[in-house]
Amino acid sequence: MTNVYDSANQVEKDLRATDAYIALKEAYKVVSADSEAGELFKKFQGIQMSFQEKQMTGQEISDEEIQEAQELTTVVSANEKINALMNCEQQMSVIVNDLNKIIMKPIQELYQGAAE
């Protein structure tokens, strides 16, 4: 019998060896080494997490919070180091989404077959 956890652990190791992960790791080092970029990025992440928590719990996001996030996004977007990091994050997100589709394929096929 196949141990899916062993497979998942192998995928984790393989993911660490991808060019996308290596680039992400390097971009994160560059941002972290720059105190201004590092602080901006941490603040931006904090706002993102706060918005996600509020959405998950059904809380309203105030106009003031939206305005603050928009202003911070403008500042963050002007930082080349953070932009490079965010581009690397997006590449990793594509890979993770692709992996999720592959992992969920048996369940999706099962339900599609049951509907027919």
C-alpha atoms as a PDB file:
ATOM      1  CA  MET A   1       0.000   0.000   0.000  1.00  0.00           C
ATOM      2  CA  THR A   2       1.252   3.451  -0.909  1.00  0.00           C
ATOM      3  CA  ASN A   3       2.054   5.842   1.911  1.00  0.00           C
ATOM      4  CA  VAL A   4       0.872   9.238   0.656  1.00  0.00           C
ATOM      5  CA  TYR A   5       2.749  10.976   3.462  1.00  0.00           C
ATOM      6  CA  ASP A   6       6.027   9.627   2.137  1.00  0.00           C
ATOM      7  CA  SER A   7       5.032  10.944  -1.288  1.00  0.00           C
ATOM      8  CA  ALA A   8       4.119  14.332   0.186  1.00  0.00           C
ATOM      9  CA  ASN A   9       7.446  14.524   2.015  1.00  0.00           C
ATOM     10  CA  GLN A  10       9.234  13.774  -1.254  1.00  0.00           C
ATOM     11  CA  VAL A  11       7.263  16.515  -3.011  1.00  0.00           C
ATOM     12  CA  GLU A  12       8.322  18.906  -0.238  1.00  0.00           C
ATOM     13  CA  LYS A  13      11.984  18.006  -0.823  1.00  0.00           C
ATOM     14  CA  ASP A  14      11.570  18.285  -4.585  1.00  0.00           C
ATOM     15  CA  LEU A  15       9.867  21.665  -4.231  1.00  0.00           C
ATOM     16  CA  ARG A  16      12.858  22.999  -2.309  1.00  0.00           C
ATOM     17  CA  ALA A  17      15.068  22.031  -5.261  1.00  0.00           C
ATOM     18  CA  THR A  18      13.028  23.907  -7.880  1.00  0.00           C
ATOM     19  CA  ASP A  19      14.388  27.019  -9.548  1.00  0.00           C
ATOM     20  CA  ALA A  20      11.262  28.873  -8.415  1.00  0.00           C
ATOM     21  CA  TYR A  21      11.868  28.086  -4.736  1.00  0.00           C
ATOM     22  CA  ILE A  22      15.564  28.893  -4.964  1.00  0.00           C
ATOM     23  CA  ALA A  23      14.715  32.245  -6.576  1.00  0.00           C
ATOM     24  CA  LEU A  24      12.092  32.937  -3.888  1.00  0.00           C
ATOM     25  CA  LYS A  25      14.569  32.145  -1.133  1.00  0.00           C
ATOM     26  CA  GLU A  26      17.163  34.466  -2.682  1.00  0.00           C
ATOM     27  CA  ALA A  27      14.633  37.266  -3.228  1.00  0.00           C
ATOM     28  CA  TYR A  28      13.541  36.952   0.411  1.00  0.00           C
ATOM     29  CA  LYS A  29      17.175  37.230   1.542  1.00  0.00           C
ATOM     30  CA  VAL A  30      17.572  40.400  -0.522  1.00  0.00           C
ATOM     31  CA  VAL A  31      14.448  41.972   1.004  1.00  0.00           C
ATOM     32  CA  SER A  32      15.394  40.892   4.525  1.00  0.00           C
ATOM     33  CA  ALA A  33      18.897  42.344   4.158  1.00  0.00           C
ATOM     34  CA  ASP A  34      17.427  45.769   3.351  1.00  0.00           C
ATOM     35  CA  SER A  35      15.944  47.157   6.567  1.00  0.00           C
ATOM     36  CA  GLU A  36      13.522  49.511   4.781  1.00  0.00           C
ATOM     37  CA  ALA A  37      12.302  46.868   2.330  1.00  0.00           C
ATOM     38  CA  GLY A  38      12.106  44.272   5.099  1.00  0.00           C
ATOM     39  CA  GLU A  39       9.936  46.456   7.310  1.00  0.00           C
ATOM     40  CA  LEU A  40       7.682  47.436   4.425  1.00  0.00           C
ATOM     41  CA  PHE A  41       7.243  43.807   3.455  1.00  0.00           C
ATOM     42  CA  LYS A  42       6.438  42.748   7.036  1.00  0.00           C
ATOM     43  CA  LYS A  43       3.877  45.526   7.324  1.00  0.00           C
ATOM     44  CA  PHE A  44       2.346  44.541   3.979  1.00  0.00           C
ATOM     45  CA  GLN A  45       2.145  40.888   5.048  1.00  0.00           C
ATOM     46  CA  GLY A  46       0.530  41.938   8.334  1.00  0.00           C
ATOM     47  CA  ILE A  47      -2.194  43.844   6.536  1.00  0.00           C
ATOM     48  CA  GLN A  48      -2.801  40.942   4.154  1.00  0.00           C
ATOM     49  CA  MET A  49      -3.129  38.510   7.051  1.00  0.00           C
ATOM     50  CA  SER A  50      -5.433  40.867   8.915  1.00  0.00           C
ATOM     51  CA  PHE A  51      -7.716  41.158   5.875  1.00  0.00           C
ATOM     52  CA  GLN A  52      -7.772  37.375   5.413  1.00  0.00           C
ATOM     53  CA  GLU A  53      -8.656  36.827   9.081  1.00  0.00           C
ATOM     54  CA  LYS A  54     -11.456  39.364   8.887  1.00  0.00           C
ATOM     55  CA  GLN A  55     -12.841  37.820   5.711  1.00  0.00           C
ATOM     56  CA  MET A  56     -12.739  34.329   7.220  1.00  0.00           C
ATOM     57  CA  THR A  57     -14.560  35.474  10.351  1.00  0.00           C
ATOM     58  CA  GLY A  58     -17.064  37.640   8.497  1.00  0.00           C
ATOM     59  CA  GLN A  59     -15.786  40.918   9.949  1.00  0.00           C
ATOM     60  CA  GLU A  60     -16.078  44.133   7.989  1.00  0.00           C
ATOM     61  CA  ILE A  61     -12.959  45.810   6.655  1.00  0.00           C
ATOM     62  CA  SER A  62     -13.217  49.521   7.327  1.00  0.00           C
ATOM     63  CA  ASP A  63     -12.735  52.210   4.712  1.00  0.00           C
ATOM     64  CA  GLU A  64      -9.778  53.441   6.760  1.00  0.00           C
ATOM     65  CA  GLU A  65      -8.142  49.998   6.604  1.00  0.00           C
ATOM     66  CA  ILE A  66      -8.738  49.804   2.858  1.00  0.00           C
ATOM     67  CA  GLN A  67      -7.209  53.257   2.406  1.00  0.00           C
ATOM     68  CA  GLU A  68      -4.166  52.296   4.499  1.00  0.00           C
ATOM     69  CA  ALA A  69      -3.726  49.089   2.480  1.00  0.00           C
ATOM     70  CA  GLN A  70      -3.966  50.996  -0.811  1.00  0.00           C
ATOM     71  CA  GLU A  71      -1.371  53.518   0.321  1.00  0.00           C
ATOM     72  CA  LEU A  72       0.974  50.777   1.507  1.00  0.00           C
ATOM     73  CA  THR A  73       0.481  48.877  -1.752  1.00  0.00           C
ATOM     74  CA  THR A  74       1.577  51.973  -3.670  1.00  0.00           C
ATOM     75  CA  VAL A  75       4.732  52.260  -1.564  1.00  0.00           C
ATOM     76  CA  VAL A  76       5.453  48.520  -1.757  1.00  0.00           C
ATOM     77  CA  SER A  77       4.949  48.506  -5.532  1.00  0.00           C
ATOM     78  CA  ALA A  78       7.617  51.168  -5.900  1.00  0.00           C
ATOM     79  CA  ASN A  79      10.204  48.960  -4.185  1.00  0.00           C
ATOM     80  CA  GLU A  80      12.053  46.851  -6.770  1.00  0.00           C
ATOM     81  CA  LYS A  81      13.275  44.315  -4.210  1.00  0.00           C
ATOM     82  CA  ILE A  82       9.781  43.643  -2.900  1.00  0.00           C
ATOM     83  CA  ASN A  83       8.426  43.476  -6.457  1.00  0.00           C
ATOM     84  CA  ALA A  84      10.999  40.825  -7.308  1.00  0.00           C
ATOM     85  CA  LEU A  85      10.028  38.864  -4.198  1.00  0.00           C
ATOM     86  CA  MET A  86       6.333  39.100  -5.036  1.00  0.00           C
ATOM     87  CA  ASN A  87       7.003  37.878  -8.577  1.00  0.00           C
ATOM     88  CA  CYS A  88       8.821  34.872  -7.129  1.00  0.00           C
ATOM     89  CA  GLU A  89       5.898  34.272  -4.750  1.00  0.00           C
ATOM     90  CA  GLN A  90       3.558  34.270  -7.724  1.00  0.00           C
ATOM     91  CA  GLN A  91       5.680  31.670  -9.519  1.00  0.00           C
ATOM     92  CA  MET A  92       5.580  29.464  -6.435  1.00  0.00           C
ATOM     93  CA  SER A  93       1.840  29.966  -6.160  1.00  0.00           C
ATOM     94  CA  VAL A  94       1.392  28.653  -9.708  1.00  0.00           C
ATOM     95  CA  ILE A  95       3.372  25.536  -8.821  1.00  0.00           C
ATOM     96  CA  VAL A  96       1.411  24.958  -5.598  1.00  0.00           C
ATOM     97  CA  ASN A  97      -1.891  25.439  -7.430  1.00  0.00           C
ATOM     98  CA  ASP A  98      -0.807  22.974 -10.113  1.00  0.00           C
ATOM     99  CA  LEU A  99       0.176  20.449  -7.435  1.00  0.00           C
ATOM    100  CA  ASN A 100      -3.170  20.928  -5.709  1.00  0.00           C
ATOM    101  CA  LYS A 101      -4.990  20.201  -8.972  1.00  0.00           C
ATOM    102  CA  ILE A 102      -2.976  17.011  -9.398  1.00  0.00           C
ATOM    103  CA  ILE A 103      -3.596  15.910  -5.813  1.00  0.00           C
ATOM    104  CA  MET A 104      -7.326  16.604  -6.024  1.00  0.00           C
ATOM    105  CA  LYS A 105      -7.755  14.910  -9.406  1.00  0.00           C
ATOM    106  CA  PRO A 106      -8.902  11.519  -8.037  1.00  0.00           C
ATOM    107  CA  ILE A 107     -11.599  13.153  -5.920  1.00  0.00           C
ATOM    108  CA  GLN A 108     -12.703  15.397  -8.760  1.00  0.00           C
ATOM    109  CA  GLU A 109     -12.918  12.400 -11.117  1.00  0.00           C
ATOM    110  CA  LEU A 110     -14.842  10.421  -8.512  1.00  0.00           C
ATOM    111  CA  TYR A 111     -17.456  13.127  -8.113  1.00  0.00           C
ATOM    112  CA  GLN A 112     -17.696  13.774 -11.843  1.00  0.00           C
ATOM    113  CA  GLY A 113     -18.200  10.053 -12.442  1.00  0.00           C
ATOM    114  CA  ALA A 114     -20.872   9.900  -9.739  1.00  0.00           C
ATOM    115  CA  ALA A 115     -22.762  12.776 -11.348  1.00  0.00           C
ATOM    116  CA  GLU A 116     -22.965  11.034 -14.719  1.00  0.00           C
END
